[in-house]
Structures are given as structure tokens and as C-alpha cells.
Amino acid sequence: MSRKGKVYIIGAGPGDPGLMTLKGAKCLQEAEVVIYDHLISPELLDMARRDARLIYAGKEGGRHTLSQAEINQRLLEEAGSGRVVARLKGGDPFVFGRGGEEAEELARAGIPFEVVPGVTSAISVPAYAGIPLTHRRFTASVAFVTGHEDPLKEQSEIDWKSLAGMGTLVFLMGVRNLPQIAASLVARGKKPDTPAAMIRWGTTVDQETLTGTLADIAERAEAAGFKPPAILVVGGVVGLRKDLNWFETQPLFGKGVVITRPEPQAASMAALLRDAGARVVSFPTIRIAPPESWDELDAAIQRLETYAWLIFTSANGVHHFLERLRAAGKDLRDLKGIRLCTIGPATAAVLEGQGLRVDLVPETYLSEGVVAAFERYDLSGQRILLPRAEKARDVIPNELARRGASVDVVTAYRTVNSGRKAAELAEQIALGRVDVLTFTSPSTVTNFLEIMGPDFLPIPAGIRVACIGPVTAAAARKAGLPVDILQEAYTVPGLVESLKDFFARG
């Protein structure tokens, strides 16, 4: 018996990937084929199975990659062949999304389908612009209208007279017909001084909001070069924006921040930046690789009981050490009696996540801070194991050896060039989407300039450089980069706060 296919018609939300519903994400992850529209966030596509086939069916500026008839046919063919298909549509599929037409085709063909509602731009975009669609002081009614229809055509399906009497109006996809929409409402009795707002790229870091009245909004939009995708909101509630504009006033709103650290370590930093309104540009300059040989680390693990202290200077060191510990047939019980020191709280959190208690975390999250933290301990004759990166400063082993300790430095991992191409970032810079380059270690600086090449310096005008810690800053300056923002404490949250403070000062 042949397997039966199925189609999930999923609303992907208005643009912010965080507005995708939990059920939508679940269905997307189940799909073998994803047929997606224009404006779907790449982050949502990343949720799909690795082996899922992605089919672009976007419509942009009147240009259709696939016609609606072709989209319908692909849905029938893919699901008819027994595959699970996700039809990923912007906003809500049943709000001016033609999802109903696609569902009809599936129903006629006897193909099972589910509709997963999405957050429609009709309500979410105004909310992100600080405009509530209903408010007891202004209106208790709201209407959603397609802006695609020509309001002056003889057989218009839009009841302009009724709309003119309603409190709040939301026109989707109405940029090109904006003059006619405004004129039609005024002609049917809407006051010319009624507040109006155009919102472009709503719920994303590229969001732009233009306010005015019915009398001048079309002229303002033309002067500002407002282009799709945008929606129009008409009504007294638009006036609330001056007090309720929460999104566009975020401290890093619209600032393009480049993250150069390895992808596995970038997620937490990216989340903090997005929460502050930043545009995150991922450009990892290094990747973490195992050492050329595990012999040194494996030998040290075999004599674990001889060490009084284990010092970790990064989360990567912890991960690779524990991996080799397990490979040797040992576990956390073999660390009994060994004290643990980490260079900072982020590294300590990794150990604590394994159920281990960290004995020593310095006040200053640098190698010098680790050395200072050991001042109250007698290290005479004690053995210390330091699993770390292949290339690192020797402050810790040298200084602790002077204090009488025997320090075994073993390579737990290497940082190597990520292989990214300069053109990837150059394009973002050319589009004006980069405001800050962030560096979290000297190796990110070195590999960044190796990737970008000598022609990158002097740094393009208007781009700032932010560094964690004085060691990274020194490496940046030595390489010819200016350091505009310096977070002394070696923490990613601290760096993000420093970025906020910098741009708050203007």
C-alpha cells in the first residue's frame, strides 16, 4: 500500500521569525518538501529538516517565480507522490494569502491537508509600530482591506462608503494604490485630517513608519520613496504611536552588528542583540577544530589523579576535555578531589551544567585575573592541568610555575580559519547593513583580516569596532583596526550593554 501524502498550509507570520507559532514550527520540521513564498525569513527555513527539498514560489514586484496555477500543481504532485509538504506562506494563509484557493485544490484532489494559522501582518505590524487597532477612546471597529484592488474601477468590490464610516482601517499591499485609497475615503466622508500611517518591512529590524493624514500620506510616501512591502493604517489610533512606539525605539534598533565568533558560540550573543533590536550579521571568522593529535590530552586524562587543579580558559576547552574523558572510558567521578578553576562565569556555567562545582572564578576574566585569584593558595609542589587552545598566551602557566606549581599545558582544540568569503560581508557593507564589527578574541581579529584581505583597511567609513577585553582590543589595534567600543569584562552580555551605551550617546 502506497504511503499517502499530506500538506500543511502554514502561516509563517509577518517577518519576525519569533512570531511563528509552535505548531507551525512542528509541522515545518516534519515536512519533506517546503514550498515557500517571498519574504519568508531564512531563520524559518533553517528549521526545516536537513534533507527537506526547498522550492521557492515567491512573488515579488509583480514577477512570479511560479504562477498560482503552477504552485497548486506542485502541491498536488508532491503530496500525490506520498510526501509531507509544508506550504509556507507569509502572515496568515487565509488573510489575503490565497491559502483558501490552495486548500480548495487539495480538497478536490482528495489530498489530506491542515491549515496552521499564522500571525497576520494586519494586526502584528501596527502593533510593532505602536498602533493598537482598537482603543476605547477611539474606536470599537476595525476593517481589513486588500490594497491591490483599484478603488476607482467601475466594478469595485470594496464598499468605500461603509469603510469611511468605520473607526480603524488596515489596507494590506496598498502602496501603489495609496493616492486612490486616500482620495476614495475622503470622497466618501472620511475627514482629510484623519491620522494615517504607512509601515514598511513591519516586525523586522528594517521596519520604517511614516505618519501623516489622509490628505498628505500619499505625498509623504512618494517623497520618502516608500515601496512594498508595506501596509496602511487609517484612524485616530495612529496618534497613539508617539507614546506606544516600543519597537523602533529599542537601543540597537536597525543597527547591523557583525558576529565574528564561531557559529556554535554565536547563538547567545545573537539572541541578546536581537532582543535589543539589532540586525545580526553572522560572519564567523574561525571554527573550532580538534588538535592534530589527542595524545597529550589523552595522556593527561590517564593521570588525572595526580592533579590538584584543572583550569579551563574557555567553554571549548571544557567541551573537548569532557569528550576525551568519556572516550577514555572515564566520567565525572574521576574528577573527585580535583579543584576546578575557570577564567569566567560563562565557562563556569558549562561545568555547572554538568553538575560540577567550580571552586575558583577570578574577578577579572583574563589570564592575569586567574593568576591573581591563585594568590591566596599555596601551589608549591602542586600539579595543574590546563587544557586549552593550541595557540594561547602563556601568562597562566608561566606565572603559576613561578609560584611553585607544575603546570601541564595540553592542546584541547584549535581555532582555524572558517573559510568564509570576503564577498559575503562586502555585500552587506555595500548595502549599508553593517554598523559594528565585534571581536571576542585575538583569533577572530586575525582571521577576519585574513579573510577580508589588505584592501579592507582602512576600515570603511561609518563602521565601528567593538572588542571584548583589553587583549582582544590590543590585537585589533596592532592589526590596524580602530577600537571604538571596549568591554573590559570578558562577557558577551557586557559587550552588548556597551553597544547599547555607545549608541545611546549618539
Protein backbone atom coordinates (compact mmCIF):
# COMPACT_ATOMS: atom_id res chain seq x y z
CA MET A 1 0.00 0.00 0.00
CA SER A 2 1.46 3.31 -1.09
CA ARG A 3 2.03 5.97 1.51
CA LYS A 4 -0.37 8.91 1.47
CA GLY A 5 0.96 12.44 1.33
CA LYS A 6 -0.25 15.46 3.23
CA VAL A 7 0.02 19.25 3.01
CA TYR A 8 0.41 21.67 5.89
CA ILE A 9 -0.64 25.17 4.83
CA ILE A 10 1.36 27.17 7.36
CA GLY A 11 1.20 30.85 8.21
CA ALA A 12 4.82 31.94 8.76
CA GLY A 13 3.93 35.25 10.38
CA PRO A 14 4.81 38.78 9.28
CA GLY A 15 8.62 38.68 9.23
CA ASP A 16 9.94 38.36 12.76
CA PRO A 17 10.79 34.63 12.95
CA GLY A 18 9.85 34.68 16.64
CA LEU A 19 6.21 35.14 15.64
CA MET A 20 5.98 31.71 14.02
CA THR A 21 3.58 29.53 16.02
CA LEU A 22 4.80 26.43 17.84
CA LYS A 23 2.53 24.24 15.73
CA GLY A 24 3.79 25.88 12.55
CA ALA A 25 7.37 25.09 13.54
CA LYS A 26 6.47 21.49 14.38
CA CYS A 27 4.76 20.92 11.04
CA LEU A 28 7.61 22.60 9.15
CA GLN A 29 10.11 20.26 10.83
CA GLU A 30 8.06 17.27 9.74
CA ALA A 31 7.91 18.23 6.06
CA GLU A 32 9.92 16.52 3.32
CA VAL A 33 9.19 19.34 0.86
CA VAL A 34 8.86 23.05 1.68
CA ILE A 35 7.22 25.36 -0.85
CA TYR A 36 7.77 28.88 0.42
CA ASP A 37 6.88 32.44 -0.53
CA HIS A 38 8.85 35.66 -0.86
CA LEU A 39 9.71 37.42 2.46
CA ILE A 40 9.97 34.15 4.40
CA SER A 41 12.78 34.56 6.94
CA PRO A 42 15.87 32.38 6.29
CA GLU A 43 15.75 31.51 10.00
CA LEU A 44 12.42 29.77 9.44
CA LEU A 45 13.82 27.79 6.53
CA ASP A 46 16.66 26.71 8.83
CA MET A 47 14.01 24.96 10.95
CA ALA A 48 13.27 22.53 8.14
CA ARG A 49 14.77 19.06 8.07
CA ARG A 50 18.26 18.91 6.63
CA ASP A 51 17.08 16.60 3.87
CA ALA A 52 13.97 18.65 3.06
CA ARG A 53 13.68 19.92 -0.51
CA LEU A 54 13.10 23.70 -0.63
CA ILE A 55 11.07 25.14 -3.51
CA TYR A 56 10.86 28.92 -3.89
CA ALA A 57 7.49 30.13 -5.13
CA GLY A 58 7.81 33.84 -4.34
CA LYS A 59 6.04 36.71 -5.99
CA GLU A 60 7.98 39.97 -5.96
CA GLY A 61 7.03 43.23 -7.59
CA GLY A 62 4.65 41.52 -9.99
CA ARG A 63 7.25 38.92 -11.00
CA HIS A 64 6.13 35.38 -10.23
CA THR A 65 8.65 32.57 -9.86
CA LEU A 66 5.70 30.19 -10.09
CA SER A 67 2.18 31.18 -11.07
CA GLN A 68 -0.61 30.32 -8.67
CA ALA A 69 -1.69 27.54 -11.01
CA GLU A 70 1.85 26.15 -11.00
CA ILE A 71 2.00 26.33 -7.19
CA ASN A 72 -1.27 24.43 -6.96
CA GLN A 73 0.06 21.80 -9.37
CA ARG A 74 3.30 21.36 -7.38
CA LEU A 75 1.30 20.83 -4.19
CA LEU A 76 -0.80 18.16 -5.88
CA GLU A 77 2.24 16.43 -7.41
CA GLU A 78 4.39 16.40 -4.27
CA ALA A 79 1.63 15.31 -1.88
CA GLY A 80 0.20 12.96 -4.51
CA SER A 81 3.56 11.18 -4.55
CA GLY A 82 3.22 10.43 -0.85
CA ARG A 83 5.32 13.27 0.53
CA VAL A 84 4.62 15.52 3.51
CA VAL A 85 4.59 19.09 2.19
CA ALA A 86 4.82 22.39 4.06
CA ARG A 87 3.27 25.27 2.13
CA LEU A 88 4.93 28.16 3.96
CA LYS A 89 3.11 31.46 3.45
CA GLY A 90 3.76 34.90 4.92
CA GLY A 91 1.36 36.18 7.56
CA ASP A 92 -1.81 34.09 7.81
CA PRO A 93 -2.67 31.88 4.83
CA PHE A 94 -6.37 32.74 4.99
CA VAL A 95 -5.93 36.54 5.22
CA PHE A 96 -5.33 37.76 1.66
CA GLY A 97 -2.91 34.88 1.28
CA ARG A 98 -4.74 32.71 -1.30
CA GLY A 99 -4.49 29.83 1.13
CA GLY A 100 -8.18 29.15 0.62
CA GLU A 101 -7.66 28.62 -3.10
CA GLU A 102 -4.82 26.18 -2.47
CA ALA A 103 -6.89 24.30 0.12
CA GLU A 104 -9.75 24.00 -2.40
CA GLU A 105 -7.44 22.38 -4.94
CA LEU A 106 -6.23 19.86 -2.34
CA ALA A 107 -9.78 19.10 -1.21
CA ARG A 108 -10.90 18.47 -4.81
CA ALA A 109 -7.99 16.07 -5.30
CA GLY A 110 -8.74 14.23 -2.05
CA ILE A 111 -5.33 15.10 -0.55
CA PRO A 112 -5.30 15.49 3.26
CA PHE A 113 -4.30 18.93 4.48
CA GLU A 114 -4.17 21.03 7.62
CA VAL A 115 -4.26 24.80 7.94
CA VAL A 116 -1.92 26.25 10.58
CA PRO A 117 -2.95 29.86 11.20
CA GLY A 118 -0.22 32.48 11.35
CA VAL A 119 0.14 35.90 12.92
CA THR A 120 -1.19 38.19 10.22
CA SER A 121 0.64 41.39 9.35
CA ALA A 122 -2.70 43.18 9.58
CA ILE A 123 -2.52 43.13 13.38
CA SER A 124 1.17 42.49 14.14
CA VAL A 125 2.75 45.20 12.01
CA PRO A 126 0.68 48.03 13.55
CA ALA A 127 1.45 46.57 17.00
CA TYR A 128 5.20 46.74 16.25
CA ALA A 129 4.70 50.36 15.18
CA GLY A 130 2.97 51.21 18.47
CA ILE A 131 -0.51 51.41 16.95
CA PRO A 132 -3.32 49.46 18.67
CA LEU A 133 -6.07 48.80 16.15
CA THR A 134 -8.84 49.22 18.70
CA HIS A 135 -8.99 51.51 21.71
CA ARG A 136 -11.97 52.55 23.81
CA ARG A 137 -11.22 56.25 23.35
CA PHE A 138 -11.06 55.99 19.58
CA THR A 139 -12.91 53.06 18.05
CA ALA A 140 -14.52 49.71 18.62
CA SER A 141 -14.43 48.66 14.94
CA VAL A 142 -11.67 47.67 12.57
CA ALA A 143 -11.70 46.55 8.94
CA PHE A 144 -9.05 44.76 6.89
CA VAL A 145 -8.98 45.59 3.19
CA THR A 146 -6.82 44.47 0.29
CA GLY A 147 -4.95 47.38 -1.21
CA HIS A 148 -4.40 45.61 -4.52
CA GLU A 149 -7.74 46.48 -5.97
CA ASP A 150 -8.03 49.70 -7.94
CA PRO A 151 -10.57 51.72 -5.89
CA LEU A 152 -11.63 53.71 -8.96
CA LYS A 153 -12.61 50.77 -11.15
CA GLU A 154 -16.28 50.63 -12.10
CA GLN A 155 -16.99 47.24 -10.52
CA SER A 156 -15.08 47.67 -7.25
CA GLU A 157 -15.94 45.07 -4.63
CA ILE A 158 -14.94 47.46 -1.85
CA ASP A 159 -17.76 49.33 -0.11
CA TRP A 160 -15.95 52.65 0.27
CA LYS A 161 -18.91 54.43 1.83
CA SER A 162 -19.16 51.86 4.64
CA LEU A 163 -15.42 51.86 5.16
CA ALA A 164 -15.37 55.63 5.51
CA GLY A 165 -17.67 55.31 8.50
CA MET A 166 -15.52 52.78 10.36
CA GLY A 167 -13.01 53.57 13.09
CA THR A 168 -9.77 51.83 12.05
CA LEU A 169 -8.89 50.67 8.55
CA VAL A 170 -5.95 48.46 7.61
CA PHE A 171 -5.01 48.18 3.94
CA LEU A 172 -2.62 45.39 3.02
CA MET A 173 -0.40 45.69 -0.05
CA GLY A 174 -1.68 49.16 -0.84
CA VAL A 175 1.45 51.17 -1.65
CA ARG A 176 0.83 51.51 -5.36
CA ASN A 177 -2.82 52.49 -4.92
CA LEU A 178 -2.24 54.80 -1.96
CA PRO A 179 -3.34 58.06 -3.68
CA GLN A 180 -6.58 56.44 -4.87
CA ILE A 181 -7.27 54.84 -1.50
CA ALA A 182 -6.89 58.15 0.35
CA ALA A 183 -8.93 60.04 -2.21
CA SER A 184 -11.74 57.46 -2.18
CA LEU A 185 -12.06 57.55 1.61
CA VAL A 186 -12.15 61.35 1.68
CA ALA A 187 -14.66 61.43 -1.17
CA ARG A 188 -16.97 59.12 0.85
CA GLY A 189 -16.83 61.21 4.00
CA LYS A 190 -13.61 60.38 5.86
CA LYS A 191 -12.10 63.59 7.21
CA PRO A 192 -8.90 64.66 5.41
CA ASP A 193 -7.14 65.21 8.76
CA THR A 194 -7.71 61.59 9.84
CA PRO A 195 -4.34 60.22 11.05
CA ALA A 196 -2.70 57.67 8.76
CA ALA A 197 0.49 55.62 8.88
CA MET A 198 2.47 53.64 6.35
CA ILE A 199 4.56 50.81 7.82
CA ARG A 200 7.22 49.12 5.73
CA TRP A 201 9.04 45.83 6.46
CA GLY A 202 6.99 45.53 9.63
CA THR A 203 8.22 43.46 12.61
CA THR A 204 11.76 43.32 11.17
CA VAL A 205 14.81 45.42 12.00
CA ASP A 206 14.26 47.22 8.69
CA GLN A 207 10.85 48.49 9.80
CA GLU A 208 10.07 52.06 8.77
CA THR A 209 6.98 54.00 9.82
CA LEU A 210 5.72 57.14 8.12
CA THR A 211 2.84 59.10 9.67
CA GLY A 212 0.61 61.80 8.31
CA THR A 213 -3.05 62.30 7.45
CA LEU A 214 -5.31 61.10 4.65
CA ALA A 215 -4.72 64.47 3.00
CA ASP A 216 -0.94 64.12 2.76
CA ILE A 217 0.09 60.49 3.39
CA ALA A 218 0.36 59.68 -0.33
CA GLU A 219 2.55 62.71 -0.98
CA ARG A 220 4.73 61.89 2.05
CA ALA A 221 5.12 58.28 0.96
CA GLU A 222 6.18 59.31 -2.55
CA ALA A 223 8.69 61.82 -1.18
CA ALA A 224 10.15 59.18 1.14
CA GLY A 225 10.36 56.59 -1.65
CA PHE A 226 8.13 54.17 0.25
CA LYS A 227 7.95 50.86 -1.57
CA PRO A 228 6.36 47.46 -0.82
CA PRO A 229 6.05 45.52 1.37
CA ALA A 230 4.03 48.00 3.41
CA ILE A 231 0.59 48.41 4.95
CA LEU A 232 -1.58 51.45 5.54
CA VAL A 233 -3.38 52.14 8.83
CA VAL A 234 -6.06 54.84 8.96
CA GLY A 235 -7.77 56.09 12.11
CA GLY A 236 -7.39 58.01 15.35
CA VAL A 237 -5.42 55.15 16.91
CA VAL A 238 -2.43 56.16 14.77
CA GLY A 239 -1.96 59.11 17.12
CA LEU A 240 -1.10 56.73 19.97
CA ARG A 241 2.17 55.84 18.25
CA LYS A 242 4.02 58.78 19.79
CA ASP A 243 3.61 57.19 23.24
CA LEU A 244 3.48 53.48 22.34
CA ASN A 245 6.34 53.21 19.86
CA TRP A 246 8.23 50.42 21.64
CA PHE A 247 9.95 48.57 18.79
CA GLU A 248 11.69 51.26 16.79
CA THR A 249 12.98 52.86 20.00
CA GLN A 250 14.98 49.82 21.10
CA PRO A 251 18.60 50.75 21.89
CA LEU A 252 20.15 48.96 18.89
CA PHE A 253 17.18 49.16 16.52
CA GLY A 254 18.29 48.78 12.92
CA LYS A 255 22.00 48.62 13.77
CA GLY A 256 23.82 45.95 11.82
CA VAL A 257 26.14 44.05 14.16
CA VAL A 258 28.61 41.53 12.74
CA ILE A 259 29.38 38.50 14.92
CA THR A 260 32.77 37.02 14.10
CA ARG A 261 32.92 34.28 16.72
CA PRO A 262 32.28 30.61 15.77
CA GLU A 263 28.67 29.73 14.99
CA PRO A 264 28.17 27.34 17.95
CA GLN A 265 29.14 30.14 20.35
CA ALA A 266 27.26 32.88 18.48
CA ALA A 267 23.67 31.92 19.36
CA SER A 268 23.53 33.52 22.80
CA MET A 269 25.12 36.72 21.55
CA ALA A 270 22.79 36.87 18.56
CA ALA A 271 19.76 36.45 20.84
CA LEU A 272 20.87 39.34 23.07
CA LEU A 273 21.46 41.57 20.06
CA ARG A 274 18.10 40.76 18.51
CA ASP A 275 16.36 41.48 21.82
CA ALA A 276 17.92 44.95 21.65
CA GLY A 277 16.63 45.47 18.09
CA ALA A 278 19.86 44.84 16.19
CA ARG A 279 20.26 43.29 12.78
CA VAL A 280 22.55 40.32 13.33
CA VAL A 281 25.05 39.64 10.56
CA SER A 282 26.66 36.24 11.12
CA PHE A 283 30.19 36.13 9.76
CA PRO A 284 32.17 33.54 11.74
CA THR A 285 35.86 34.02 11.05
CA ILE A 286 37.04 30.92 12.92
CA ARG A 287 35.84 27.43 13.55
CA ILE A 288 36.79 25.11 16.35
CA ALA A 289 38.73 22.03 15.27
CA PRO A 290 40.23 19.13 17.24
CA PRO A 291 44.00 19.10 17.74
CA GLU A 292 46.14 17.31 15.20
CA SER A 293 46.68 14.65 17.86
CA TRP A 294 44.81 13.80 21.05
CA ASP A 295 47.90 12.12 22.53
CA GLU A 296 48.81 14.90 25.00
CA LEU A 297 45.28 15.35 26.34
CA ASP A 298 44.59 11.61 26.50
CA ALA A 299 47.82 11.01 28.41
CA ALA A 300 46.91 13.75 30.89
CA ILE A 301 43.48 12.22 31.42
CA GLN A 302 45.08 8.87 32.22
CA ARG A 303 46.96 10.52 35.10
CA LEU A 304 44.11 12.72 36.32
CA GLU A 305 44.51 11.63 39.93
CA THR A 306 47.92 13.37 40.05
CA TYR A 307 46.45 16.87 39.50
CA ALA A 308 45.34 19.22 42.26
CA TRP A 309 43.72 21.75 39.88
CA LEU A 310 42.06 21.80 36.46
CA ILE A 311 41.99 25.24 34.81
CA PHE A 312 39.67 25.97 31.88
CA THR A 313 40.03 29.19 29.91
CA SER A 314 37.08 28.63 27.55
CA ALA A 315 33.90 26.66 27.08
CA ASN A 316 35.55 24.95 24.10
CA GLY A 317 38.25 23.61 26.40
CA VAL A 318 35.57 22.17 28.69
CA HIS A 319 33.65 20.51 25.85
CA HIS A 320 36.71 18.84 24.32
CA PHE A 321 38.11 17.76 27.69
CA LEU A 322 34.86 16.08 28.69
CA GLU A 323 34.59 14.46 25.26
CA ARG A 324 38.02 12.86 25.67
CA LEU A 325 37.24 11.95 29.27
CA ARG A 326 34.29 9.87 28.05
CA ALA A 327 36.35 8.46 25.17
CA ALA A 328 38.82 7.15 27.75
CA GLY A 329 36.06 5.23 29.50
CA LYS A 330 36.00 7.66 32.42
CA ASP A 331 33.32 10.03 33.73
CA LEU A 332 32.83 12.94 36.12
CA ARG A 333 33.51 10.72 39.12
CA ASP A 334 37.15 10.64 38.04
CA LEU A 335 37.38 14.37 38.82
CA LYS A 336 36.83 13.69 42.52
CA GLY A 337 39.36 15.57 44.63
CA ILE A 338 40.44 17.87 41.77
CA ARG A 339 39.64 21.55 42.20
CA LEU A 340 38.20 23.42 39.23
CA CYS A 341 39.03 26.95 38.08
CA THR A 342 37.51 28.79 35.10
CA ILE A 343 38.51 32.08 33.53
CA GLY A 344 34.98 33.48 33.79
CA PRO A 345 31.32 32.78 34.59
CA ALA A 346 30.38 31.65 31.08
CA THR A 347 32.94 28.84 31.21
CA ALA A 348 31.92 28.05 34.78
CA ALA A 349 28.29 27.73 33.65
CA VAL A 350 29.26 24.93 31.25
CA LEU A 351 30.82 22.91 34.07
CA GLU A 352 27.94 23.66 36.42
CA GLY A 353 25.58 22.45 33.71
CA GLN A 354 27.29 19.08 34.07
CA GLY A 355 26.66 19.09 37.82
CA LEU A 356 30.21 20.13 38.73
CA ARG A 357 31.02 22.79 41.33
CA VAL A 358 33.58 25.38 40.29
CA ASP A 359 35.98 26.31 43.08
CA LEU A 360 37.53 29.45 41.64
CA VAL A 361 36.37 32.15 39.24
CA PRO A 362 38.52 35.31 39.13
CA GLU A 363 37.09 38.80 39.47
CA THR A 364 38.83 39.82 36.23
CA TYR A 365 38.06 37.45 33.36
CA LEU A 366 41.57 37.38 31.90
CA SER A 367 44.66 35.22 32.26
CA GLU A 368 46.05 37.85 34.63
CA GLY A 369 42.87 37.55 36.67
CA VAL A 370 43.33 33.79 37.00
CA VAL A 371 46.88 34.29 38.25
CA ALA A 372 45.74 36.91 40.77
CA ALA A 373 42.96 34.61 42.03
CA PHE A 374 45.54 31.97 42.93
CA GLU A 375 47.48 34.34 45.19
CA ARG A 376 45.73 33.02 48.30
CA TYR A 377 46.68 29.41 47.53
CA ASP A 378 49.96 27.65 48.23
CA LEU A 379 50.86 26.00 44.94
CA SER A 380 54.25 24.58 45.97
CA GLY A 381 54.67 21.13 44.51
CA GLN A 382 51.09 21.00 43.16
CA ARG A 383 50.33 19.77 39.66
CA ILE A 384 47.91 21.74 37.50
CA LEU A 385 46.32 20.68 34.19
CA LEU A 386 45.50 23.39 31.66
CA PRO A 387 43.58 22.07 28.58
CA ARG A 388 43.36 25.00 26.15
CA ALA A 389 43.59 26.21 22.57
CA GLU A 390 46.68 25.32 20.54
CA LYS A 391 47.70 28.97 20.36
CA ALA A 392 47.26 30.99 23.53
CA ARG A 393 49.14 33.35 25.81
CA ASP A 394 51.41 31.72 28.37
CA VAL A 395 50.61 34.07 31.25
CA ILE A 396 48.90 31.38 33.37
CA PRO A 397 51.44 28.54 33.06
CA ASN A 398 54.46 30.85 33.40
CA GLU A 399 53.18 32.76 36.43
CA LEU A 400 51.84 29.70 38.27
CA ALA A 401 55.13 27.89 37.64
CA ARG A 402 56.91 30.79 39.30
CA ARG A 403 54.64 30.19 42.28
CA GLY A 404 55.95 26.64 42.57
CA ALA A 405 53.33 24.74 40.59
CA SER A 406 53.99 22.16 37.90
CA VAL A 407 51.68 23.12 35.02
CA ASP A 408 50.88 20.71 32.19
CA VAL A 409 49.61 22.64 29.15
CA VAL A 410 47.81 20.37 26.67
CA THR A 411 46.06 21.20 23.42
CA ALA A 412 42.31 20.52 23.63
CA TYR A 413 41.31 22.26 20.38
CA ARG A 414 42.47 24.56 17.60
CA THR A 415 40.96 27.68 16.07
CA VAL A 416 41.21 27.63 12.28
CA ASN A 417 40.02 29.91 9.51
CA SER A 418 36.30 29.43 8.89
CA GLY A 419 36.65 29.58 5.12
CA ARG A 420 34.03 32.30 4.73
CA LYS A 421 34.34 34.55 1.68
CA ALA A 422 35.02 38.28 1.88
CA ALA A 423 32.30 38.92 -0.71
CA GLU A 424 29.62 37.73 1.74
CA LEU A 425 30.35 40.59 4.15
CA ALA A 426 31.35 43.10 1.46
CA GLU A 427 27.85 42.84 0.01
CA GLN A 428 26.26 43.60 3.39
CA ILE A 429 28.58 46.59 3.84
CA ALA A 430 27.75 47.90 0.36
CA LEU A 431 24.04 47.71 1.19
CA GLY A 432 24.61 49.80 4.32
CA ARG A 433 23.61 46.93 6.60
CA VAL A 434 26.74 46.92 8.78
CA ASP A 435 27.35 49.38 11.63
CA VAL A 436 29.55 47.42 14.04
CA LEU A 437 32.18 44.68 13.83
CA THR A 438 32.51 42.70 17.06
CA PHE A 439 35.57 40.71 18.10
CA THR A 440 35.67 38.39 21.10
CA SER A 441 39.24 37.06 20.86
CA PRO A 442 42.53 37.86 19.11
CA SER A 443 41.98 34.90 16.76
CA THR A 444 38.71 36.40 15.49
CA VAL A 445 40.65 39.58 14.63
CA THR A 446 43.48 37.76 12.88
CA ASN A 447 41.24 35.53 10.81
CA PHE A 448 38.81 38.34 9.98
CA LEU A 449 41.57 40.39 8.34
CA GLU A 450 42.96 37.28 6.66
CA ILE A 451 39.54 36.68 5.08
CA MET A 452 38.84 40.30 4.13
CA GLY A 453 42.33 40.94 2.74
CA PRO A 454 44.61 44.01 2.90
CA ASP A 455 42.26 46.20 0.86
CA PHE A 456 39.74 46.22 3.73
CA LEU A 457 41.94 48.69 5.63
CA PRO A 458 41.40 51.47 6.37
CA ILE A 459 38.04 50.32 7.65
CA PRO A 460 35.02 51.63 5.64
CA ALA A 461 33.64 54.92 6.95
CA GLY A 462 30.85 54.70 9.49
CA ILE A 463 31.67 51.20 10.74
CA ARG A 464 32.59 50.87 14.40
CA VAL A 465 34.74 48.20 16.04
CA ALA A 466 33.78 46.64 19.38
CA CYS A 467 36.03 44.32 21.37
CA ILE A 468 35.76 42.18 24.48
CA GLY A 469 38.70 42.66 26.82
CA PRO A 470 41.99 44.54 26.53
CA VAL A 471 43.84 41.60 24.95
CA THR A 472 41.42 41.45 22.01
CA ALA A 473 41.49 45.25 21.73
CA ALA A 474 45.29 45.24 21.63
CA ALA A 475 45.24 42.66 18.84
CA ALA A 476 42.76 44.79 16.87
CA ARG A 477 44.84 47.96 17.24
CA LYS A 478 48.03 46.13 16.32
CA ALA A 479 46.31 44.87 13.16
CA GLY A 480 45.30 48.40 12.18
CA LEU A 481 41.68 48.43 13.35
CA PRO A 482 40.34 51.29 15.47
CA VAL A 483 38.63 50.24 18.71
CA ASP A 484 35.54 52.37 19.34
CA ILE A 485 33.83 50.21 21.94
CA LEU A 486 35.70 48.25 24.60
CA GLN A 487 34.09 45.97 27.16
CA GLU A 488 36.71 45.42 29.84
CA ALA A 489 34.94 42.48 31.49
CA TYR A 490 35.15 39.40 29.31
CA THR A 491 31.41 38.72 28.94
CA VAL A 492 29.13 38.78 25.92
CA PRO A 493 26.24 40.39 27.86
CA GLY A 494 28.67 43.11 28.91
CA LEU A 495 29.66 43.72 25.30
CA VAL A 496 26.01 44.06 24.26
CA GLU A 497 25.43 46.55 27.09
CA SER A 498 28.46 48.53 25.92
CA LEU A 499 26.98 48.67 22.41
CA LYS A 500 23.71 49.97 23.84
CA ASP A 501 25.51 52.65 25.84
CA PHE A 502 27.60 53.71 22.85
CA PHE A 503 24.65 54.26 20.53
CA ALA A 504 22.56 55.84 23.30
CA ARG A 505 25.20 58.56 23.48
CA GLY A 506 24.70 59.15 19.76
